[in-house]
Amino acid sequence: MREGLEACRQHGYRILFVTGSRRYYSRFGFVSASSAGLSLPLGDPTHDMVLELSPGVLSQVEGKVLFPREAWGPWIVGSGDE
């Protein structure tokens, strides 16, 4: 996991989102997306998490996160194509 996060940093990613266990992902620095002022399309704030890979970037964004349909597949509502 730590190698993957470092690879994301090296490739220039600034923010990383996951939907998963808070208990697991918090040990790597992930925080609740809603506590950062963000909501993800699946709308499960108990599992939506975010990690700031570039210091200060989370203070520059807020609102609903939209992903291209390819990221979720056609079965997910909220992919940004509505």
Protein backbone atom coordinates (compact mmCIF):
# COMPACT_ATOMS: atom_id res chain seq x y z
CA MET A 1 0.00 0.00 0.00
CA ARG A 2 2.73 2.46 0.93
CA GLU A 3 4.56 1.74 -2.33
CA GLY A 4 1.36 2.36 -4.28
CA LEU A 5 0.79 5.68 -2.52
CA GLU A 6 4.36 6.73 -3.25
CA ALA A 7 3.94 5.76 -6.91
CA CYS A 8 0.84 7.99 -7.06
CA ARG A 9 2.89 10.87 -5.63
CA GLN A 10 5.70 10.25 -8.10
CA HIS A 11 3.22 10.34 -10.99
CA GLY A 12 1.93 13.73 -9.86
CA TYR A 13 -1.43 12.77 -8.36
CA ARG A 14 -2.50 15.34 -5.79
CA ILE A 15 -5.54 13.70 -4.19
CA LEU A 16 -6.51 10.05 -3.87
CA PHE A 17 -10.03 8.77 -3.17
CA VAL A 18 -11.08 5.35 -1.91
CA THR A 19 -14.28 3.76 -0.73
CA GLY A 20 -13.45 1.30 2.00
CA SER A 21 -12.79 0.62 5.65
CA ARG A 22 -11.93 3.69 7.72
CA ARG A 23 -10.12 1.47 10.16
CA TYR A 24 -7.83 0.16 7.42
CA TYR A 25 -7.26 3.27 5.30
CA SER A 26 -6.84 5.73 8.18
CA ARG A 27 -3.54 4.08 9.07
CA PHE A 28 -2.20 5.41 5.75
CA GLY A 29 -3.42 8.95 6.35
CA PHE A 30 -6.82 8.80 4.66
CA VAL A 31 -9.58 10.89 6.24
CA SER A 32 -13.33 10.98 5.75
CA ALA A 33 -14.16 12.69 2.47
CA SER A 34 -17.07 14.47 4.14
CA SER A 35 -14.77 15.89 6.84
CA ALA A 36 -12.70 17.37 3.99
CA GLY A 37 -15.84 18.95 2.49
CA LEU A 38 -16.14 16.41 -0.33
CA SER A 39 -18.80 13.91 -1.37
CA LEU A 40 -18.36 11.02 -3.75
CA PRO A 41 -20.98 9.78 -6.24
CA LEU A 42 -21.80 6.58 -4.40
CA GLY A 43 -22.97 8.64 -1.45
CA ASP A 44 -21.68 6.48 1.40
CA PRO A 45 -19.91 8.94 3.68
CA THR A 46 -19.11 6.19 6.18
CA HIS A 47 -16.75 4.60 3.65
CA ASP A 48 -15.67 7.46 1.33
CA MET A 49 -12.15 8.57 2.14
CA VAL A 50 -9.55 10.93 0.75
CA LEU A 51 -5.79 11.33 1.04
CA GLU A 52 -3.93 14.55 0.35
CA LEU A 53 -0.83 13.64 -1.65
CA SER A 54 0.20 17.24 -2.25
CA PRO A 55 0.29 19.38 0.94
CA GLY A 56 -2.50 21.94 1.14
CA VAL A 57 -4.49 20.71 -1.86
CA LEU A 58 -7.58 19.71 0.15
CA SER A 59 -7.99 23.28 1.35
CA GLN A 60 -8.39 24.31 -2.30
CA VAL A 61 -11.33 22.03 -3.15
CA GLU A 62 -14.82 21.24 -1.90
CA GLY A 63 -18.10 19.81 -3.17
CA LYS A 64 -19.21 16.75 -5.10
CA VAL A 65 -16.47 14.72 -6.76
CA LEU A 66 -17.32 13.68 -10.32
CA PHE A 67 -15.59 10.86 -12.13
CA PRO A 68 -15.73 9.92 -15.81
CA ARG A 69 -18.18 7.11 -16.52
CA GLU A 70 -15.26 4.81 -17.41
CA ALA A 71 -14.10 4.98 -13.79
CA TRP A 72 -17.33 3.44 -12.46
CA GLY A 73 -19.01 1.70 -15.35
CA PRO A 74 -22.52 2.30 -16.66
CA TRP A 75 -24.26 0.80 -13.61
CA ILE A 76 -23.25 3.63 -11.26
CA VAL A 77 -25.35 6.78 -11.01
CA GLY A 78 -23.41 9.94 -10.31
CA SER A 79 -20.55 9.44 -12.72
CA GLY A 80 -20.78 13.02 -13.95
CA ASP A 81 -22.66 12.27 -17.18
CA GLU A 82 -26.07 13.37 -15.91
